[in-house]
Amino acid sequence: MKKLILQSMMVSAILHFVYFGTMLVIGFVQTWNYTPDLSNGTPLSNEVAFGFTVSPILFVLSFVVVSVLVGGLFVTYRKIFTDHV
């Protein structure tokens, strides 16, 4: 049981790192390639906003939920594909 929990948490952490890393790279590439449209003659805004913020508890909650789902997949896989002879 301890091994299952540890494996589920490791897979969840890997999935979260891959997801957030991908979002970071996509945002970087979009920012790097952005060229503003200055042809319409309107003045530029003095305010800048980058993305949005969410509560840190949502990150913890998503980590726990993904860990539980991965653990369920591990248990299901073991029940289906292991011999009980």
C-alpha atoms as a PDB file:
ATOM      1  CA  MET A   1       0.000   0.000   0.000  1.00  0.00           C
ATOM      2  CA  LYS A   2       2.847   2.369   0.838  1.00  0.00           C
ATOM      3  CA  LYS A   3       4.515   1.605  -2.489  1.00  0.00           C
ATOM      4  CA  LEU A   4       1.258   2.283  -4.372  1.00  0.00           C
ATOM      5  CA  ILE A   5       0.830   5.686  -2.706  1.00  0.00           C
ATOM      6  CA  LEU A   6       4.450   6.639  -3.380  1.00  0.00           C
ATOM      7  CA  GLN A   7       4.223   5.579  -7.032  1.00  0.00           C
ATOM      8  CA  SER A   8       0.942   7.447  -7.499  1.00  0.00           C
ATOM      9  CA  MET A   9       2.412  10.618  -6.016  1.00  0.00           C
ATOM     10  CA  MET A  10       5.534  10.345  -8.187  1.00  0.00           C
ATOM     11  CA  VAL A  11       3.496   9.922 -11.382  1.00  0.00           C
ATOM     12  CA  SER A  12       1.251  12.816 -10.343  1.00  0.00           C
ATOM     13  CA  ALA A  13       4.281  15.039  -9.726  1.00  0.00           C
ATOM     14  CA  ILE A  14       5.775  14.106 -13.097  1.00  0.00           C
ATOM     15  CA  LEU A  15       2.491  14.856 -14.876  1.00  0.00           C
ATOM     16  CA  HIS A  16       2.214  18.228 -13.112  1.00  0.00           C
ATOM     17  CA  PHE A  17       5.808  19.173 -13.969  1.00  0.00           C
ATOM     18  CA  VAL A  18       5.265  18.220 -17.607  1.00  0.00           C
ATOM     19  CA  TYR A  19       1.985  20.175 -17.770  1.00  0.00           C
ATOM     20  CA  PHE A  20       3.314  23.344 -16.125  1.00  0.00           C
ATOM     21  CA  GLY A  21       6.588  23.140 -18.046  1.00  0.00           C
ATOM     22  CA  THR A  22       4.682  22.848 -21.312  1.00  0.00           C
ATOM     23  CA  MET A  23       2.499  25.837 -20.423  1.00  0.00           C
ATOM     24  CA  LEU A  24       5.621  27.831 -19.535  1.00  0.00           C
ATOM     25  CA  VAL A  25       7.313  27.013 -22.847  1.00  0.00           C
ATOM     26  CA  ILE A  26       4.158  27.785 -24.846  1.00  0.00           C
ATOM     27  CA  GLY A  27       3.794  31.144 -23.077  1.00  0.00           C
ATOM     28  CA  PHE A  28       7.446  31.946 -23.680  1.00  0.00           C
ATOM     29  CA  VAL A  29       7.228  31.126 -27.391  1.00  0.00           C
ATOM     30  CA  GLN A  30       4.034  33.150 -27.814  1.00  0.00           C
ATOM     31  CA  THR A  31       5.600  36.132 -26.039  1.00  0.00           C
ATOM     32  CA  TRP A  32       8.826  35.828 -28.047  1.00  0.00           C
ATOM     33  CA  ASN A  33       6.967  35.762 -31.373  1.00  0.00           C
ATOM     34  CA  TYR A  34       4.398  38.483 -30.582  1.00  0.00           C
ATOM     35  CA  THR A  35       4.446  41.589 -32.743  1.00  0.00           C
ATOM     36  CA  PRO A  36       1.940  44.300 -31.844  1.00  0.00           C
ATOM     37  CA  ASP A  37      -0.339  45.716 -34.530  1.00  0.00           C
ATOM     38  CA  LEU A  38       0.514  49.418 -34.615  1.00  0.00           C
ATOM     39  CA  SER A  39      -1.081  50.166 -37.972  1.00  0.00           C
ATOM     40  CA  ASN A  40      -4.497  51.295 -36.680  1.00  0.00           C
ATOM     41  CA  GLY A  41      -3.190  54.561 -35.139  1.00  0.00           C
ATOM     42  CA  THR A  42      -4.561  54.042 -31.621  1.00  0.00           C
ATOM     43  CA  PRO A  43      -2.217  54.863 -28.741  1.00  0.00           C
ATOM     44  CA  LEU A  44      -0.753  52.027 -26.720  1.00  0.00           C
ATOM     45  CA  SER A  45      -2.086  51.268 -23.264  1.00  0.00           C
ATOM     46  CA  ASN A  46      -0.020  52.121 -20.184  1.00  0.00           C
ATOM     47  CA  GLU A  47      -1.195  49.037 -18.302  1.00  0.00           C
ATOM     48  CA  VAL A  48       0.040  45.501 -18.747  1.00  0.00           C
ATOM     49  CA  ALA A  49      -1.563  42.311 -17.469  1.00  0.00           C
ATOM     50  CA  PHE A  50       0.027  38.874 -17.651  1.00  0.00           C
ATOM     51  CA  GLY A  51      -2.236  35.863 -17.278  1.00  0.00           C
ATOM     52  CA  PHE A  52      -4.260  35.254 -14.148  1.00  0.00           C
ATOM     53  CA  THR A  53      -3.773  33.958 -10.629  1.00  0.00           C
ATOM     54  CA  VAL A  54      -5.439  31.071  -8.866  1.00  0.00           C
ATOM     55  CA  SER A  55      -5.464  29.959  -5.276  1.00  0.00           C
ATOM     56  CA  PRO A  56      -2.507  27.736  -4.318  1.00  0.00           C
ATOM     57  CA  ILE A  57      -4.950  25.277  -2.736  1.00  0.00           C
ATOM     58  CA  LEU A  58      -6.085  24.359  -6.271  1.00  0.00           C
ATOM     59  CA  PHE A  59      -2.582  23.100  -7.057  1.00  0.00           C
ATOM     60  CA  VAL A  60      -2.621  20.890  -3.966  1.00  0.00           C
ATOM     61  CA  LEU A  61      -6.127  19.695  -4.784  1.00  0.00           C
ATOM     62  CA  SER A  62      -5.184  18.832  -8.372  1.00  0.00           C
ATOM     63  CA  PHE A  63      -2.103  16.957  -7.127  1.00  0.00           C
ATOM     64  CA  VAL A  64      -4.220  14.892  -4.724  1.00  0.00           C
ATOM     65  CA  VAL A  65      -6.934  14.185  -7.304  1.00  0.00           C
ATOM     66  CA  VAL A  66      -4.427  13.091  -9.949  1.00  0.00           C
ATOM     67  CA  SER A  67      -2.651  10.915  -7.367  1.00  0.00           C
ATOM     68  CA  VAL A  68      -5.922   9.183  -6.480  1.00  0.00           C
ATOM     69  CA  LEU A  69      -6.781   8.656 -10.155  1.00  0.00           C
ATOM     70  CA  VAL A  70      -3.337   7.243 -10.933  1.00  0.00           C
ATOM     71  CA  GLY A  71      -3.574   4.976  -7.876  1.00  0.00           C
ATOM     72  CA  GLY A  72      -6.936   3.730  -9.099  1.00  0.00           C
ATOM     73  CA  LEU A  73      -5.444   3.025 -12.509  1.00  0.00           C
ATOM     74  CA  PHE A  74      -2.561   1.113 -10.912  1.00  0.00           C
ATOM     75  CA  VAL A  75      -4.951  -1.014  -8.831  1.00  0.00           C
ATOM     76  CA  THR A  76      -7.188  -1.696 -11.831  1.00  0.00           C
ATOM     77  CA  TYR A  77      -4.208  -2.620 -13.988  1.00  0.00           C
ATOM     78  CA  ARG A  78      -2.896  -5.021 -11.366  1.00  0.00           C
ATOM     79  CA  LYS A  79      -6.290  -6.685 -10.917  1.00  0.00           C
ATOM     80  CA  ILE A  80      -6.788  -7.157 -14.654  1.00  0.00           C
ATOM     81  CA  PHE A  81      -3.290  -8.183 -15.740  1.00  0.00           C
ATOM     82  CA  THR A  82      -1.974 -10.296 -12.860  1.00  0.00           C
ATOM     83  CA  ASP A  83      -2.618 -14.003 -12.391  1.00  0.00           C
ATOM     84  CA  HIS A  84      -4.445 -14.942  -9.199  1.00  0.00           C
ATOM     85  CA  VAL A  85      -3.459 -18.609  -9.445  1.00  0.00           C
END
